[in-house]
Protein backbone atom coordinates (compact mmCIF):
# COMPACT_ATOMS: atom_id res chain seq x y z
CA MET A 1 63.75 150.88 133.17
CA LYS A 2 61.82 148.10 131.56
CA SER A 3 62.94 149.31 128.21
CA ASP A 4 66.56 149.06 129.18
CA LYS A 5 66.09 145.46 130.38
CA LYS A 6 64.33 144.53 127.06
CA LYS A 7 67.05 146.02 125.12
CA LYS A 8 69.79 144.26 127.06
CA ARG A 9 67.71 141.01 126.79
CA LEU A 10 67.46 141.57 122.93
CA ILE A 11 71.25 142.32 122.71
CA PHE A 12 72.11 139.22 124.70
CA ARG A 13 69.81 136.96 122.62
CA THR A 14 71.05 138.36 119.35
CA ALA A 15 74.64 137.87 120.56
CA VAL A 16 73.79 134.11 121.43
CA LEU A 17 72.17 133.58 118.21
CA LEU A 18 74.97 135.02 116.19
CA VAL A 19 77.45 132.69 118.14
CA LEU A 20 75.39 129.74 117.53
CA ILE A 21 75.08 130.52 113.84
CA GLY A 22 78.83 131.05 113.61
CA ALA A 23 79.35 127.61 115.23
CA VAL A 24 77.03 125.86 112.97
CA VAL A 25 78.73 127.38 109.96
CA THR A 26 82.09 126.49 111.29
CA THR A 27 80.83 122.89 111.75
CA LEU A 28 79.59 122.63 108.25
CA VAL A 29 82.60 124.02 106.65
CA SER A 30 84.96 121.79 108.51
CA SER A 31 82.61 118.87 107.90
CA PHE A 32 82.76 119.50 104.10
CA ARG A 33 86.60 119.98 104.24
CA ASP A 34 86.99 116.74 106.23
CA ASP A 35 84.89 114.79 103.63
CA SER A 36 87.36 115.66 100.98
CA ASN A 37 90.04 113.90 102.92
CA VAL A 38 88.23 110.55 103.38
CA VAL A 39 89.77 107.74 101.54
CA LYS A 40 87.43 106.57 98.81
CA ALA A 41 87.36 104.26 95.71
CA GLY A 42 89.92 105.36 93.13
CA ASP A 43 92.40 106.85 95.85
CA LEU A 44 95.69 105.19 96.53
CA ALA A 45 95.54 103.49 99.96
CA PRO A 46 97.48 105.49 102.52
CA ASN A 47 100.51 103.66 103.95
CA PHE A 48 100.81 102.78 107.47
CA LYS A 49 102.87 100.29 109.67
CA LEU A 50 101.54 98.23 112.60
CA LYS A 51 102.50 95.24 114.61
CA GLN A 52 100.70 91.92 114.33
CA VAL A 53 98.76 90.73 117.49
CA ASN A 54 98.51 87.29 116.38
CA GLY A 55 102.08 86.81 115.18
CA GLU A 56 105.49 88.40 115.27
CA GLU A 57 105.24 90.38 111.94
CA THR A 58 104.95 94.01 111.36
CA PHE A 59 102.70 94.87 108.44
CA GLU A 60 103.44 97.98 106.23
CA LEU A 61 100.52 98.35 103.76
CA LYS A 62 103.04 99.20 100.88
CA GLU A 63 104.87 95.88 101.27
CA LEU A 64 101.59 94.06 100.28
CA ARG A 65 101.70 95.64 96.71
CA GLY A 66 101.12 92.98 94.12
CA LYS A 67 98.42 91.38 96.29
CA GLY A 68 94.74 92.28 96.62
CA VAL A 69 94.19 93.54 100.15
CA MET A 70 91.04 93.42 102.36
CA LEU A 71 91.75 96.09 104.91
CA ASN A 72 89.08 95.73 107.75
CA PHE A 73 88.61 98.20 110.63
CA TRP A 74 86.85 96.48 113.55
CA ALA A 75 86.66 96.03 117.37
CA THR A 76 85.70 93.40 119.78
CA TYR A 77 82.91 95.38 121.23
CA CYS A 78 81.28 95.64 117.79
CA ASP A 79 78.55 92.96 117.27
CA PRO A 80 78.47 93.39 113.38
CA CYS A 81 82.29 92.89 113.32
CA LYS A 82 81.90 89.69 115.25
CA GLU A 83 79.34 88.68 112.55
CA GLU A 84 81.60 89.02 109.61
CA MET A 85 84.81 87.49 111.23
CA PRO A 86 83.70 83.78 110.61
CA TYR A 87 83.37 84.56 106.87
CA MET A 88 86.72 86.22 106.69
CA GLU A 89 88.43 83.19 108.39
CA GLN A 90 86.45 80.71 106.16
CA LEU A 91 87.51 82.54 103.06
CA TYR A 92 91.17 83.37 104.09
CA PRO A 93 93.12 80.06 103.33
CA GLU A 94 91.64 79.86 99.88
CA TYR A 95 92.21 83.46 98.86
CA LYS A 96 95.59 83.82 100.42
CA GLU A 97 96.70 81.17 97.94
CA LYS A 98 95.13 83.28 95.24
CA GLY A 99 97.09 86.32 96.23
CA ILE A 100 94.67 88.24 98.56
CA GLU A 101 95.79 89.32 102.03
CA ILE A 102 93.29 89.93 104.81
CA LEU A 103 94.49 92.61 107.33
CA ALA A 104 92.13 93.37 110.14
CA VAL A 105 92.93 96.53 112.15
CA SER A 106 91.74 96.35 115.66
CA LEU A 107 90.60 99.67 117.17
CA ASP A 108 90.23 98.17 120.62
CA THR A 109 92.14 99.88 123.58
CA THR A 110 93.97 96.98 124.84
CA GLU A 111 95.87 94.21 123.08
CA LEU A 112 94.76 91.61 125.73
CA VAL A 113 91.03 91.79 124.69
CA VAL A 114 92.17 91.41 121.06
CA LYS A 115 94.26 88.27 121.71
CA ASN A 116 91.34 86.77 123.68
CA PHE A 117 89.02 87.46 120.78
CA ILE A 118 91.55 85.92 118.36
CA GLU A 119 91.60 82.71 120.38
CA ASP A 120 87.81 82.54 121.00
CA TYR A 121 87.19 82.85 117.21
CA ASN A 122 90.31 80.83 116.05
CA LEU A 123 91.32 83.43 113.66
CA THR A 124 94.48 82.83 111.55
CA PHE A 125 94.50 85.97 109.36
CA PRO A 126 96.78 88.85 110.36
CA ILE A 127 95.29 91.19 112.92
CA VAL A 128 97.12 94.42 113.79
CA HIS A 129 96.35 96.75 116.60
CA ASP A 130 95.84 100.64 116.13
CA GLN A 131 95.99 101.32 119.80
CA ARG A 132 96.52 105.04 119.46
CA GLY A 133 93.88 105.47 116.55
CA ASP A 134 96.53 106.86 114.09
CA VAL A 135 95.54 104.53 111.12
CA MET A 136 91.80 105.12 112.00
CA ASP A 137 92.42 108.80 111.74
CA LEU A 138 94.48 108.38 108.58
CA TYR A 139 91.63 106.60 106.91
CA LYS A 140 88.91 108.75 108.42
CA ILE A 141 86.95 105.72 109.84
CA GLY A 142 83.49 106.58 111.12
CA PRO A 143 81.26 103.56 111.77
CA ILE A 144 82.66 100.16 112.10
CA PRO A 145 83.08 97.76 110.59
CA THR A 146 84.53 99.57 107.60
CA THR A 147 86.32 97.56 104.90
CA PHE A 148 88.55 98.77 102.14
CA PHE A 149 89.26 96.48 99.16
CA ILE A 150 92.67 97.52 97.66
CA ASN A 151 93.80 96.03 94.15
CA PRO A 152 97.41 94.86 93.72
CA GLU A 153 98.44 98.37 92.52
CA GLY A 154 97.42 99.88 95.92
CA GLU A 155 94.33 101.56 94.75
CA VAL A 156 91.13 101.40 96.81
CA VAL A 157 88.52 99.62 94.59
CA ARG A 158 85.65 99.71 97.07
CA VAL A 159 84.80 100.90 100.58
CA ILE A 160 82.14 99.20 102.49
CA GLN A 161 80.57 100.48 105.78
CA GLY A 162 78.85 97.74 107.85
CA PRO A 163 79.08 93.99 108.04
CA LEU A 164 79.82 91.65 105.08
CA THR A 165 78.02 88.52 104.21
CA LEU A 166 79.98 85.54 102.92
CA GLU A 167 78.55 86.00 99.33
CA ARG A 168 79.37 89.87 99.19
CA LEU A 169 82.85 89.13 100.59
CA GLU A 170 83.61 86.61 97.82
CA SER A 171 82.32 88.98 95.12
CA TYR A 172 84.42 91.76 96.40
CA PHE A 173 87.57 89.53 96.50
CA GLN A 174 86.99 88.93 92.70
CA GLU A 175 87.45 92.50 92.16
CA ILE A 176 90.90 92.59 93.71
CA LEU A 177 92.41 89.31 92.60
CA PRO A 178 95.90 89.78 91.05
CA GLU A 179 95.78 89.29 87.28
CA GLN A 180 97.49 85.81 87.07
CA ASN A 181 94.59 84.48 89.38
CA ASN A 182 91.61 86.48 88.02
CA SER A 183 89.97 83.93 85.86
């Protein structure tokens, strides 16, 4: 009788172990498969269309071709995101004149918190709201802030995860300046 219980226990433990191994293998395979879809430097930036929170415009990324684009994914609850916003605002007027557009994609759940944040920080660059997370999924965003620097041809030049300093931001802008302004 003890022998039957031991056999059943061994079969049960073996079955559980096999299920766990299968789950780990499935997770690893899907993880590698997902990594191949991550937007990276050298890729054409996927197009999307979102309405601006701090204005009336609707932004479609492909309509910004010919300009350098800083595409920043952020949220109001993200402290590192809050740290870089003043730098973006400081550089926006100068670099807009040079042909670079900053487009910040808010991942917050409600537009009201985004509007309050924009007012509190006096932000003037375009901020769009990805309420359903479609653009976040399209770009496979993990940690925020994540920023894509896109050249005038629509190609991703650089992807940065984490907050940007003023100096780093300026150097990345130099990489995406339209030709006539790249001097």
